Amino acid sequence: MRSGIQAISHGQTEAAQALSLPRNLVLRLVVIPQALRVIIPPLTSQYLNLIKNSSLATAIGYPDLVSVFAGTTLNQTGQAIEVIAMTMAVYLTISLLVSMFMNWFNARVALVER
């Protein structure tokens, strides 16, 4: 977030201040919309890494979404391959949904070229 805001040219904020906009409007109307174009792609990667790292944490015993599948379901059915496949499908679905949403949001805030 910080690097995205710092990537905005100082001239942009100076121009907004020259129009006598208050600091909160400068941030909300000038800086943040431009910074989002820089912030969104790495933020998508961070969200997907967070999802993957939480699944890695379950492999060493940290209770998470997998504990429902790999714990209860596996103990009751005894079908390990099917349960692990279902768990992988859940994480794949979550990752794809997050990625699709962030790509949609990135396309929405991207510059429209003529």
N, C-alpha and C. Protein backbone atom coordinates (compact mmCIF):
# COMPACT_ATOMS: atom_id res chain seq x y z
N MET A 1 0.83 -1.18 0.00
CA MET A 1 0.00 0.00 0.00
C MET A 1 0.88 1.25 0.00
N ARG A 2 1.87 1.23 0.84
CA ARG A 2 2.73 2.41 0.97
C ARG A 2 3.47 2.69 -0.33
N SER A 3 4.01 1.65 -0.95
CA SER A 3 4.76 1.86 -2.18
C SER A 3 3.83 2.31 -3.31
N GLY A 4 2.60 1.85 -3.33
CA GLY A 4 1.64 2.29 -4.34
C GLY A 4 1.33 3.77 -4.21
N ILE A 5 1.18 4.22 -2.98
CA ILE A 5 0.91 5.64 -2.75
C ILE A 5 2.14 6.47 -3.08
N GLN A 6 3.33 5.96 -2.75
CA GLN A 6 4.54 6.70 -3.06
C GLN A 6 4.85 6.70 -4.56
N ALA A 7 4.27 5.78 -5.31
CA ALA A 7 4.50 5.73 -6.75
C ALA A 7 3.80 6.87 -7.48
N ILE A 8 2.84 7.50 -6.83
CA ILE A 8 2.12 8.61 -7.44
C ILE A 8 3.03 9.83 -7.48
N SER A 9 3.06 10.47 -8.63
CA SER A 9 3.90 11.66 -8.81
C SER A 9 3.51 12.75 -7.81
N HIS A 10 4.52 13.40 -7.27
CA HIS A 10 4.26 14.46 -6.30
C HIS A 10 3.53 15.62 -6.96
N GLY A 11 3.71 15.75 -8.27
CA GLY A 11 3.01 16.80 -9.01
C GLY A 11 1.50 16.64 -8.97
N GLN A 12 1.03 15.40 -8.85
CA GLN A 12 -0.41 15.16 -8.77
C GLN A 12 -0.98 15.76 -7.49
N THR A 13 -0.31 15.53 -6.38
CA THR A 13 -0.80 16.09 -5.12
C THR A 13 -0.62 17.61 -5.09
N GLU A 14 0.45 18.10 -5.68
CA GLU A 14 0.64 19.56 -5.74
C GLU A 14 -0.45 20.22 -6.57
N ALA A 15 -0.83 19.57 -7.67
CA ALA A 15 -1.89 20.14 -8.51
C ALA A 15 -3.22 20.16 -7.76
N ALA A 16 -3.50 19.09 -7.03
CA ALA A 16 -4.75 19.05 -6.25
C ALA A 16 -4.73 20.09 -5.14
N GLN A 17 -3.58 20.27 -4.52
CA GLN A 17 -3.48 21.29 -3.47
C GLN A 17 -3.57 22.69 -4.07
N ALA A 18 -3.09 22.87 -5.31
CA ALA A 18 -3.20 24.17 -5.97
C ALA A 18 -4.65 24.52 -6.24
N LEU A 19 -5.48 23.49 -6.38
CA LEU A 19 -6.91 23.73 -6.53
C LEU A 19 -7.60 23.94 -5.19
N SER A 20 -6.82 23.99 -4.13
CA SER A 20 -7.25 24.19 -2.73
C SER A 20 -8.19 23.08 -2.25
N LEU A 21 -7.91 21.86 -2.68
CA LEU A 21 -8.65 20.72 -2.14
C LEU A 21 -8.11 20.36 -0.77
N PRO A 22 -8.97 20.00 0.17
CA PRO A 22 -8.48 19.56 1.48
C PRO A 22 -7.70 18.25 1.34
N ARG A 23 -6.85 17.97 2.32
CA ARG A 23 -5.98 16.79 2.25
C ARG A 23 -6.77 15.49 2.11
N ASN A 24 -7.90 15.39 2.80
CA ASN A 24 -8.67 14.15 2.69
C ASN A 24 -9.25 13.96 1.29
N LEU A 25 -9.64 15.04 0.62
CA LEU A 25 -10.14 14.92 -0.75
C LEU A 25 -9.00 14.65 -1.73
N VAL A 26 -7.84 15.21 -1.47
CA VAL A 26 -6.67 14.92 -2.31
C VAL A 26 -6.38 13.43 -2.26
N LEU A 27 -6.39 12.88 -1.07
CA LEU A 27 -6.11 11.45 -0.91
C LEU A 27 -7.20 10.61 -1.57
N ARG A 28 -8.46 10.96 -1.32
CA ARG A 28 -9.58 10.15 -1.80
C ARG A 28 -9.82 10.28 -3.30
N LEU A 29 -9.67 11.47 -3.86
CA LEU A 29 -10.01 11.70 -5.26
C LEU A 29 -8.83 11.63 -6.22
N VAL A 30 -7.62 11.85 -5.73
CA VAL A 30 -6.47 11.91 -6.63
C VAL A 30 -5.50 10.76 -6.39
N VAL A 31 -5.08 10.59 -5.15
CA VAL A 31 -3.99 9.64 -4.87
C VAL A 31 -4.47 8.19 -4.89
N ILE A 32 -5.51 7.86 -4.15
CA ILE A 32 -5.96 6.47 -4.02
C ILE A 32 -6.39 5.86 -5.36
N PRO A 33 -7.17 6.55 -6.22
CA PRO A 33 -7.53 5.92 -7.50
C PRO A 33 -6.31 5.59 -8.36
N GLN A 34 -5.30 6.44 -8.34
CA GLN A 34 -4.10 6.15 -9.12
C GLN A 34 -3.25 5.08 -8.45
N ALA A 35 -3.22 5.08 -7.14
CA ALA A 35 -2.42 4.09 -6.42
C ALA A 35 -2.99 2.68 -6.57
N LEU A 36 -4.31 2.57 -6.71
CA LEU A 36 -4.93 1.25 -6.84
C LEU A 36 -4.40 0.51 -8.06
N ARG A 37 -4.08 1.25 -9.12
CA ARG A 37 -3.56 0.62 -10.34
C ARG A 37 -2.21 -0.03 -10.10
N VAL A 38 -1.47 0.49 -9.13
CA VAL A 38 -0.16 -0.07 -8.80
C VAL A 38 -0.29 -1.14 -7.72
N ILE A 39 -1.25 -0.98 -6.84
CA ILE A 39 -1.39 -1.84 -5.66
C ILE A 39 -2.05 -3.18 -5.97
N ILE A 40 -3.03 -3.22 -6.85
CA ILE A 40 -3.88 -4.41 -7.02
C ILE A 40 -3.13 -5.66 -7.46
N PRO A 41 -2.25 -5.63 -8.48
CA PRO A 41 -1.58 -6.89 -8.86
C PRO A 41 -0.76 -7.54 -7.73
N PRO A 42 0.08 -6.80 -6.99
CA PRO A 42 0.78 -7.47 -5.88
C PRO A 42 -0.16 -7.87 -4.74
N LEU A 43 -1.25 -7.12 -4.57
CA LEU A 43 -2.21 -7.46 -3.52
C LEU A 43 -2.90 -8.79 -3.85
N THR A 44 -3.17 -9.03 -5.13
CA THR A 44 -3.74 -10.31 -5.54
C THR A 44 -2.80 -11.46 -5.20
N SER A 45 -1.52 -11.26 -5.48
CA SER A 45 -0.53 -12.29 -5.14
C SER A 45 -0.48 -12.53 -3.63
N GLN A 46 -0.57 -11.48 -2.85
CA GLN A 46 -0.54 -11.63 -1.40
C GLN A 46 -1.76 -12.40 -0.90
N TYR A 47 -2.94 -12.09 -1.46
CA TYR A 47 -4.15 -12.82 -1.05
C TYR A 47 -4.02 -14.31 -1.37
N LEU A 48 -3.53 -14.62 -2.58
CA LEU A 48 -3.39 -16.02 -2.96
C LEU A 48 -2.32 -16.71 -2.12
N ASN A 49 -1.24 -16.02 -1.79
CA ASN A 49 -0.22 -16.60 -0.90
C ASN A 49 -0.79 -16.86 0.48
N LEU A 50 -1.63 -15.97 0.96
CA LEU A 50 -2.26 -16.16 2.27
C LEU A 50 -3.12 -17.42 2.27
N ILE A 51 -3.87 -17.64 1.20
CA ILE A 51 -4.71 -18.84 1.11
C ILE A 51 -3.83 -20.09 1.06
N LYS A 52 -2.77 -20.06 0.24
CA LYS A 52 -1.89 -21.23 0.14
C LYS A 52 -1.15 -21.49 1.44
N ASN A 53 -0.69 -20.43 2.10
CA ASN A 53 0.04 -20.61 3.35
C ASN A 53 -0.85 -21.15 4.46
N SER A 54 -2.13 -20.78 4.44
CA SER A 54 -3.03 -21.35 5.45
C SER A 54 -3.22 -22.84 5.21
N SER A 55 -3.21 -23.26 3.95
CA SER A 55 -3.34 -24.69 3.68
C SER A 55 -2.06 -25.43 4.05
N LEU A 56 -0.90 -24.78 3.91
CA LEU A 56 0.34 -25.41 4.35
C LEU A 56 0.38 -25.53 5.87
N ALA A 57 -0.21 -24.56 6.55
CA ALA A 57 -0.23 -24.61 8.01
C ALA A 57 -1.06 -25.79 8.50
N THR A 58 -2.09 -26.18 7.73
CA THR A 58 -2.89 -27.32 8.16
C THR A 58 -2.11 -28.62 8.05
N ALA A 59 -1.12 -28.65 7.14
CA ALA A 59 -0.32 -29.86 6.99
C ALA A 59 0.50 -30.14 8.24
N ILE A 60 0.80 -29.12 9.03
CA ILE A 60 1.57 -29.34 10.25
C ILE A 60 0.69 -29.29 11.49
N GLY A 61 -0.62 -29.35 11.30
CA GLY A 61 -1.51 -29.49 12.44
C GLY A 61 -2.30 -28.26 12.83
N TYR A 62 -2.22 -27.16 12.12
CA TYR A 62 -2.96 -25.95 12.47
C TYR A 62 -4.41 -26.11 12.03
N PRO A 63 -5.38 -25.96 12.94
CA PRO A 63 -6.79 -26.16 12.57
C PRO A 63 -7.26 -25.08 11.61
N ASP A 64 -7.92 -25.52 10.55
CA ASP A 64 -8.37 -24.60 9.50
C ASP A 64 -9.51 -25.28 8.76
N LEU A 65 -9.78 -24.80 7.58
CA LEU A 65 -10.84 -25.37 6.76
C LEU A 65 -10.60 -26.85 6.49
N VAL A 66 -9.36 -27.25 6.33
CA VAL A 66 -9.03 -28.64 6.04
C VAL A 66 -9.36 -29.55 7.21
N SER A 67 -9.33 -29.03 8.41
CA SER A 67 -9.61 -29.89 9.56
C SER A 67 -11.02 -30.47 9.51
N VAL A 68 -11.94 -29.76 8.88
CA VAL A 68 -13.30 -30.28 8.72
C VAL A 68 -13.27 -31.48 7.78
N PHE A 69 -12.59 -31.31 6.64
CA PHE A 69 -12.54 -32.40 5.66
C PHE A 69 -11.62 -33.52 6.14
N ALA A 70 -10.36 -33.16 6.39
CA ALA A 70 -9.37 -34.20 6.70
C ALA A 70 -9.58 -34.78 8.09
N GLY A 71 -10.25 -34.08 8.95
CA GLY A 71 -10.48 -34.58 10.30
C GLY A 71 -11.74 -35.42 10.38
N THR A 72 -12.87 -34.76 10.42
CA THR A 72 -14.15 -35.43 10.63
C THR A 72 -14.50 -36.39 9.50
N THR A 73 -14.45 -35.91 8.27
CA THR A 73 -14.87 -36.73 7.14
C THR A 73 -13.96 -37.94 6.95
N LEU A 74 -12.67 -37.72 7.05
CA LEU A 74 -11.72 -38.81 6.86
C LEU A 74 -11.88 -39.87 7.94
N ASN A 75 -12.11 -39.46 9.17
CA ASN A 75 -12.28 -40.43 10.25
C ASN A 75 -13.57 -41.23 10.10
N GLN A 76 -14.61 -40.60 9.56
CA GLN A 76 -15.88 -41.30 9.44
C GLN A 76 -15.95 -42.20 8.21
N THR A 77 -15.33 -41.77 7.10
CA THR A 77 -15.44 -42.55 5.87
C THR A 77 -14.25 -43.45 5.62
N GLY A 78 -13.06 -43.01 5.99
CA GLY A 78 -11.86 -43.79 5.75
C GLY A 78 -11.38 -43.75 4.31
N GLN A 79 -11.94 -42.86 3.50
CA GLN A 79 -11.54 -42.74 2.10
C GLN A 79 -10.62 -41.53 1.96
N ALA A 80 -9.34 -41.77 2.12
CA ALA A 80 -8.36 -40.69 2.19
C ALA A 80 -8.21 -39.95 0.87
N ILE A 81 -8.13 -40.65 -0.22
CA ILE A 81 -7.89 -40.01 -1.52
C ILE A 81 -9.05 -39.09 -1.89
N GLU A 82 -10.26 -39.54 -1.70
CA GLU A 82 -11.42 -38.73 -2.03
C GLU A 82 -11.51 -37.49 -1.14
N VAL A 83 -11.21 -37.65 0.14
CA VAL A 83 -11.28 -36.53 1.07
C VAL A 83 -10.21 -35.50 0.74
N ILE A 84 -9.00 -35.94 0.45
CA ILE A 84 -7.93 -35.01 0.09
C ILE A 84 -8.25 -34.33 -1.24
N ALA A 85 -8.84 -35.06 -2.18
CA ALA A 85 -9.23 -34.46 -3.46
C ALA A 85 -10.30 -33.38 -3.24
N MET A 86 -11.25 -33.65 -2.35
CA MET A 86 -12.26 -32.64 -2.03
C MET A 86 -11.62 -31.42 -1.39
N THR A 87 -10.66 -31.64 -0.50
CA THR A 87 -9.97 -30.53 0.16
C THR A 87 -9.22 -29.69 -0.87
N MET A 88 -8.54 -30.36 -1.79
CA MET A 88 -7.82 -29.64 -2.84
C MET A 88 -8.80 -28.85 -3.71
N ALA A 89 -9.94 -29.42 -4.00
CA ALA A 89 -10.95 -28.73 -4.81
C ALA A 89 -11.48 -27.48 -4.12
N VAL A 90 -11.65 -27.57 -2.80
CA VAL A 90 -12.12 -26.40 -2.05
C VAL A 90 -11.10 -25.28 -2.11
N TYR A 91 -9.82 -25.60 -1.89
CA TYR A 91 -8.78 -24.56 -1.95
C TYR A 91 -8.62 -24.03 -3.37
N LEU A 92 -8.73 -24.87 -4.37
CA LEU A 92 -8.65 -24.41 -5.74
C LEU A 92 -9.79 -23.46 -6.06
N THR A 93 -10.98 -23.80 -5.62
CA THR A 93 -12.15 -22.95 -5.84
C THR A 93 -11.98 -21.60 -5.17
N ILE A 94 -11.54 -21.61 -3.92
CA ILE A 94 -11.34 -20.35 -3.20
C ILE A 94 -10.28 -19.51 -3.90
N SER A 95 -9.17 -20.12 -4.31
CA SER A 95 -8.10 -19.38 -4.99
C SER A 95 -8.58 -18.81 -6.31
N LEU A 96 -9.33 -19.59 -7.07
CA LEU A 96 -9.83 -19.09 -8.35
C LEU A 96 -10.84 -17.96 -8.17
N LEU A 97 -11.68 -18.06 -7.16
CA LEU A 97 -12.65 -17.00 -6.90
C LEU A 97 -11.94 -15.70 -6.50
N VAL A 98 -10.95 -15.80 -5.62
CA VAL A 98 -10.19 -14.61 -5.22
C VAL A 98 -9.48 -14.01 -6.43
N SER A 99 -8.87 -14.86 -7.23
CA SER A 99 -8.16 -14.38 -8.42
C SER A 99 -9.11 -13.74 -9.41
N MET A 100 -10.27 -14.34 -9.65
CA MET A 100 -11.24 -13.76 -10.58
C MET A 100 -11.75 -12.41 -10.08
N PHE A 101 -12.04 -12.32 -8.79
CA PHE A 101 -12.53 -11.05 -8.24
C PHE A 101 -11.47 -9.97 -8.36
N MET A 102 -10.23 -10.30 -8.02
CA MET A 102 -9.17 -9.29 -8.08
C MET A 102 -8.87 -8.90 -9.52
N ASN A 103 -8.94 -9.83 -10.47
CA ASN A 103 -8.76 -9.48 -11.88
C ASN A 103 -9.89 -8.58 -12.38
N TRP A 104 -11.12 -8.87 -11.95
CA TRP A 104 -12.25 -8.01 -12.30
C TRP A 104 -12.05 -6.62 -11.72
N PHE A 105 -11.65 -6.54 -10.46
CA PHE A 105 -11.44 -5.25 -9.81
C PHE A 105 -10.30 -4.50 -10.48
N ASN A 106 -9.23 -5.20 -10.85
CA ASN A 106 -8.10 -4.58 -11.53
C ASN A 106 -8.53 -4.03 -12.89
N ALA A 107 -9.35 -4.77 -13.62
CA ALA A 107 -9.83 -4.29 -14.92
C ALA A 107 -10.74 -3.08 -14.74
N ARG A 108 -11.46 -3.05 -13.66
CA ARG A 108 -12.38 -1.94 -13.41
C ARG A 108 -11.65 -0.64 -13.10
N VAL A 109 -10.54 -0.70 -12.38
CA VAL A 109 -9.81 0.52 -12.02
C VAL A 109 -8.68 0.83 -13.00
N ALA A 110 -8.46 -0.02 -14.00
CA ALA A 110 -7.40 0.23 -14.95
C ALA A 110 -7.73 1.42 -15.84
N LEU A 111 -6.70 2.01 -16.38
CA LEU A 111 -6.90 3.12 -17.31
C LEU A 111 -7.55 2.60 -18.58
N VAL A 112 -8.49 3.36 -19.10
CA VAL A 112 -9.16 3.00 -20.35
C VAL A 112 -8.43 3.74 -21.46
N GLU A 113 -7.81 2.98 -22.36
CA GLU A 113 -7.10 3.60 -23.46
C GLU A 113 -8.00 3.69 -24.67
N ARG A 114 -7.80 4.73 -25.42
CA ARG A 114 -8.67 4.96 -26.59
C ARG A 114 -8.03 4.45 -27.84
